[in-house]
Protein backbone atom coordinates (compact mmCIF):
# COMPACT_ATOMS: atom_id res chain seq x y z
CA GLN A 1 73.02 171.22 160.72
CA ILE A 2 76.03 170.58 158.32
CA GLY A 3 78.38 172.33 160.86
CA ILE A 4 77.17 170.06 163.71
CA THR A 5 77.76 166.79 161.30
CA ARG A 6 81.14 168.15 160.12
CA ARG A 7 82.08 168.60 164.06
CA ILE A 8 80.93 165.09 164.80
CA ILE A 9 82.79 163.47 162.12
CA ASP A 10 86.06 165.45 162.94
CA SER A 11 85.80 164.24 166.33
CA VAL A 12 86.28 160.75 165.56
CA GLN A 13 89.34 159.53 166.75
CA PRO A 14 91.25 156.32 165.69
CA ASP A 15 90.60 154.22 168.63
CA ASP A 16 86.94 154.98 168.81
CA TRP A 17 84.01 152.63 167.85
CA VAL A 18 81.53 154.05 165.50
CA VAL A 19 77.95 152.78 164.36
CA THR A 20 76.86 154.06 160.89
CA VAL A 21 73.58 153.65 159.18
CA SER A 22 74.97 152.46 155.92
CA GLU A 23 78.05 150.90 153.96
CA SER A 24 77.94 154.24 152.19
CA THR A 25 78.54 156.38 155.06
CA LYS A 26 81.20 154.07 156.62
CA ASN A 27 83.20 154.37 153.73
CA ASP A 28 82.68 158.10 153.59
CA LEU A 29 83.85 158.17 157.28
CA CYS A 30 86.85 156.07 156.80
CA GLU A 31 87.76 158.33 154.14
CA ARG A 32 87.55 161.24 156.16
CA ARG A 33 89.11 160.03 159.24
CA PRO A 34 92.16 158.01 160.15
CA ILE A 35 89.96 155.03 161.70
CA ASP A 36 90.26 151.43 161.03
CA PRO A 37 87.25 150.02 159.12
CA GLU A 38 87.00 146.86 161.60
CA ARG A 39 86.09 149.43 164.41
CA VAL A 40 82.91 150.83 162.27
CA PHE A 41 79.69 148.73 162.31
CA VAL A 42 76.85 149.21 159.89
CA VAL A 43 73.24 149.22 161.41
CA PRO A 44 70.57 150.43 159.06
CA ASN A 45 67.64 152.43 159.76
CA ALA A 46 64.06 150.93 159.43
CA ALA A 47 60.65 152.34 158.80
CA SER A 48 57.98 152.22 161.50
CA ASP A 49 55.50 149.58 160.82
CA ASP A 50 52.60 151.60 162.73
CA LEU A 51 53.31 154.35 160.32
CA PHE A 52 54.33 152.93 156.79
CA TYR A 53 51.97 150.28 155.23
CA PRO A 54 50.00 149.71 152.12
CA VAL A 55 46.81 151.43 152.48
CA THR A 56 43.88 149.68 150.45
CA ASP A 57 41.12 151.95 151.51
CA ASP A 58 40.00 154.21 148.53
CA GLU A 59 37.99 156.35 150.62
CA ARG A 60 40.94 156.81 153.11
CA ILE A 61 43.15 157.79 150.21
CA ARG A 62 40.69 160.18 148.83
CA THR A 63 40.09 161.83 152.04
CA VAL A 64 43.61 162.16 152.43
CA ARG A 65 44.29 163.70 148.96
CA GLN A 66 41.51 166.35 149.61
CA LYS A 67 42.78 167.23 153.05
CA TYR A 68 46.24 168.24 151.12
CA GLY A 69 44.37 170.00 148.13
CA ILE A 70 45.64 166.97 145.51
CA PRO A 71 43.35 167.04 142.53
CA GLU A 72 41.89 164.21 140.95
CA GLY A 73 43.95 162.11 138.62
CA ARG A 74 47.64 160.32 139.03
CA TYR A 75 50.18 161.94 141.10
CA LEU A 76 54.09 161.63 141.69
CA LEU A 77 55.05 162.05 145.41
CA SER A 78 58.19 163.57 146.65
CA LEU A 79 59.60 165.42 149.71
CA HIS A 80 59.68 168.88 149.63
CA SER A 81 63.10 170.35 151.02
CA MET A 82 65.28 173.72 150.69
CA ALA A 83 68.48 171.73 151.15
CA PRO A 84 70.40 171.74 147.97
CA HIS A 85 71.12 168.26 147.95
CA LYS A 86 67.51 167.24 147.62
CA ASN A 87 67.77 168.32 144.12
CA ILE A 88 64.25 169.68 143.95
CA PRO A 89 64.70 172.01 141.08
CA ARG A 90 66.05 169.51 138.69
CA LEU A 91 63.05 167.08 139.83
CA ILE A 92 60.36 169.93 138.75
CA GLU A 93 62.34 170.37 135.61
CA ALA A 94 62.23 166.77 134.87
CA PHE A 95 58.52 166.53 135.77
CA ARG A 96 57.74 169.67 133.15
CA LEU A 97 59.92 168.03 130.55
CA PHE A 98 57.87 164.57 130.99
CA ILE A 99 54.67 167.04 130.93
CA ARG A 100 55.91 168.77 127.56
CA GLN A 101 56.65 165.48 126.10
CA GLU A 102 53.82 163.16 126.85
CA LYS A 103 51.07 165.99 127.47
CA PRO A 104 49.32 163.88 130.13
CA SER A 105 45.88 165.70 131.09
CA ASP A 106 45.81 164.57 134.71
CA THR A 107 49.26 164.06 136.01
CA TYR A 108 50.48 165.90 139.04
CA LEU A 109 53.62 166.50 141.14
CA VAL A 110 52.91 166.55 144.77
CA LEU A 111 56.08 167.75 147.26
CA ALA A 112 55.13 166.85 150.67
CA GLY A 113 56.67 168.61 153.76
CA GLY A 114 56.43 171.59 155.72
CA LEU A 115 57.41 174.83 153.75
CA GLY A 116 58.12 176.95 156.91
CA ARG A 117 58.64 180.50 154.72
CA PRO A 118 55.92 182.30 152.11
CA ARG A 119 55.73 180.21 148.63
CA LYS A 120 56.81 183.13 146.75
CA GLU A 121 60.02 183.17 148.92
CA ILE A 122 60.69 179.72 148.00
CA PHE A 123 59.95 179.83 144.65
CA GLU A 124 62.66 182.67 144.37
CA GLU A 125 65.33 180.61 146.01
CA LEU A 126 64.89 177.41 143.98
CA SER A 127 64.76 179.99 140.85
CA LEU A 128 61.15 178.82 139.92
CA GLU A 129 58.40 181.13 138.32
CA THR A 130 55.02 180.57 139.13
CA ALA A 131 54.31 179.41 135.30
CA ASP A 132 56.72 176.44 136.10
CA LEU A 133 54.47 175.02 138.59
CA ASP A 134 50.90 174.58 137.31
CA ARG A 135 51.03 170.98 137.96
CA VAL A 136 52.76 170.97 141.14
CA TYR A 137 51.26 171.03 144.65
CA PHE A 138 53.00 171.82 147.79
CA THR A 139 51.14 169.97 150.82
CA GLY A 140 53.03 171.75 153.70
CA PHE A 141 53.30 169.79 156.79
CA VAL A 142 51.92 166.33 156.49
CA GLU A 143 50.68 164.67 159.82
CA ASP A 144 52.17 160.96 160.53
CA ASP A 145 48.86 159.38 160.25
CA ASP A 146 48.19 160.57 156.48
CA LEU A 147 51.83 159.50 155.33
CA ALA A 148 50.82 155.78 154.64
CA PRO A 149 47.74 157.03 152.27
CA LEU A 150 49.67 159.58 151.00
CA TYR A 151 52.51 157.15 149.51
CA SER A 152 49.95 154.48 148.75
CA GLY A 153 47.93 156.55 146.85
CA ALA A 154 51.09 157.86 144.34
CA GLU A 155 51.96 156.43 141.23
CA ALA A 156 55.51 156.53 142.46
CA PHE A 157 57.82 158.00 144.88
CA VAL A 158 60.42 160.20 143.34
CA PHE A 159 63.73 160.88 145.44
CA PRO A 160 66.43 162.29 143.33
CA SER A 161 68.60 163.31 146.25
CA LEU A 162 72.40 163.82 145.30
CA TYR A 163 73.50 162.75 148.80
CA GLU A 164 72.10 160.55 151.57
CA GLY A 165 73.43 159.00 154.54
CA PHE A 166 70.62 156.32 154.37
CA GLY A 167 67.57 157.72 152.55
CA LEU A 168 64.82 156.64 154.83
CA PRO A 169 61.76 157.89 152.62
CA VAL A 170 62.76 155.46 149.93
CA LEU A 171 62.30 152.47 152.42
CA GLU A 172 59.14 154.20 153.66
CA ALA A 173 57.43 154.21 150.03
CA MET A 174 58.88 150.62 149.35
CA GLN A 175 57.04 149.65 152.52
CA CYS A 176 53.84 151.29 151.70
CA GLY A 177 54.01 149.15 148.21
CA CYS A 178 54.82 152.37 146.30
CA PRO A 179 57.02 152.16 143.25
CA VAL A 180 60.26 154.04 143.58
CA ILE A 181 62.37 156.19 141.19
CA ALA A 182 65.58 157.23 143.13
CA SER A 183 68.97 158.38 142.47
CA ASP A 184 71.81 156.05 142.22
CA ALA A 185 73.96 158.18 144.75
CA ALA A 186 75.66 157.43 147.76
CA SER A 187 73.34 155.08 149.82
CA ILE A 188 70.54 155.08 148.13
CA PRO A 189 71.11 152.24 146.03
CA GLU A 190 72.10 150.17 149.17
CA VAL A 191 68.65 150.95 150.59
CA MET A 192 66.91 150.11 147.36
CA GLY A 193 68.47 146.79 147.13
CA GLY A 194 67.78 146.42 143.54
CA ALA A 195 64.37 147.07 143.83
CA GLY A 196 63.02 150.42 141.98
CA ILE A 197 64.36 152.39 139.16
CA GLN A 198 67.67 154.19 139.50
CA VAL A 199 68.87 157.28 137.56
CA ASP A 200 71.55 159.81 137.45
CA PRO A 201 70.53 162.54 139.69
CA ARG A 202 72.25 165.24 137.95
CA ASP A 203 70.52 164.13 134.63
CA VAL A 204 67.31 165.79 134.12
CA THR A 205 66.31 163.64 130.80
CA ASP A 206 67.17 160.77 132.37
CA LEU A 207 64.87 161.41 135.26
CA ALA A 208 61.89 162.50 132.82
CA ASP A 209 62.42 159.18 130.95
CA ALA A 210 62.00 157.22 134.19
CA ILE A 211 59.10 159.11 135.19
CA CYS A 212 57.52 158.43 131.56
CA ASP A 213 58.44 154.81 131.60
CA LEU A 214 57.04 154.14 135.11
CA LEU A 215 53.75 155.87 134.07
CA ALA A 216 53.55 153.91 130.83
CA SER A 217 53.86 150.51 132.65
CA SER A 218 51.30 151.82 135.27
CA GLU A 219 48.77 152.97 132.70
CA THR A 220 49.50 149.46 130.86
CA ARG A 221 48.64 147.46 134.30
CA ARG A 222 45.53 149.50 134.97
CA ILE A 223 43.96 149.10 131.41
CA GLY A 224 44.61 145.45 132.03
CA THR A 225 42.74 145.25 135.15
CA GLN A 226 39.92 147.01 133.57
CA GLN A 227 39.79 144.79 130.90
CA GLY A 228 40.06 141.88 133.05
């Protein structure tokens, strides 16, 4: 896929007209190719209203959790991908650091998406031991109708990608009313538009601190609601 993307970029000529999905992608293209920025137009992506919306039906969220083996308690949601730029090993490391520091009894990291290969093979490629994953759950493939409940049930969506041309999952999560922790790289701040928490995706401590701060504020809101 990287090779295909590179060939497409290299095919752009100075007299072409180009549409990109973000200002960040536009800037990257103009740095790579001798094209006038006036010939490049930005048309942002959008998340489907039919698939991504706040789900307030607790029973529906509970049913989806059971379907994908997510235990009772709080969970952080992210997307599983073997692509190195998705930065999954650092996310797991940051989550484990949060667990060691805060010692929560009921908080999990859920990585949604198809594995495509045996778990053991994936763990080896990510240089992970089974002991590193006692609070990490892989859902496997998630059906479209289950995405909104999965986002809506999460305490936060965490997206520490090192690079994105747009970063559509961030928009999907926000459209479902799910708080977002995401990297400050490439197009992602542009998509977030000042919402959510932005972190340095290469700084595991920064990411762990953001998780801690968000979950602490979430717990404060929950207690306040119960007392009210």
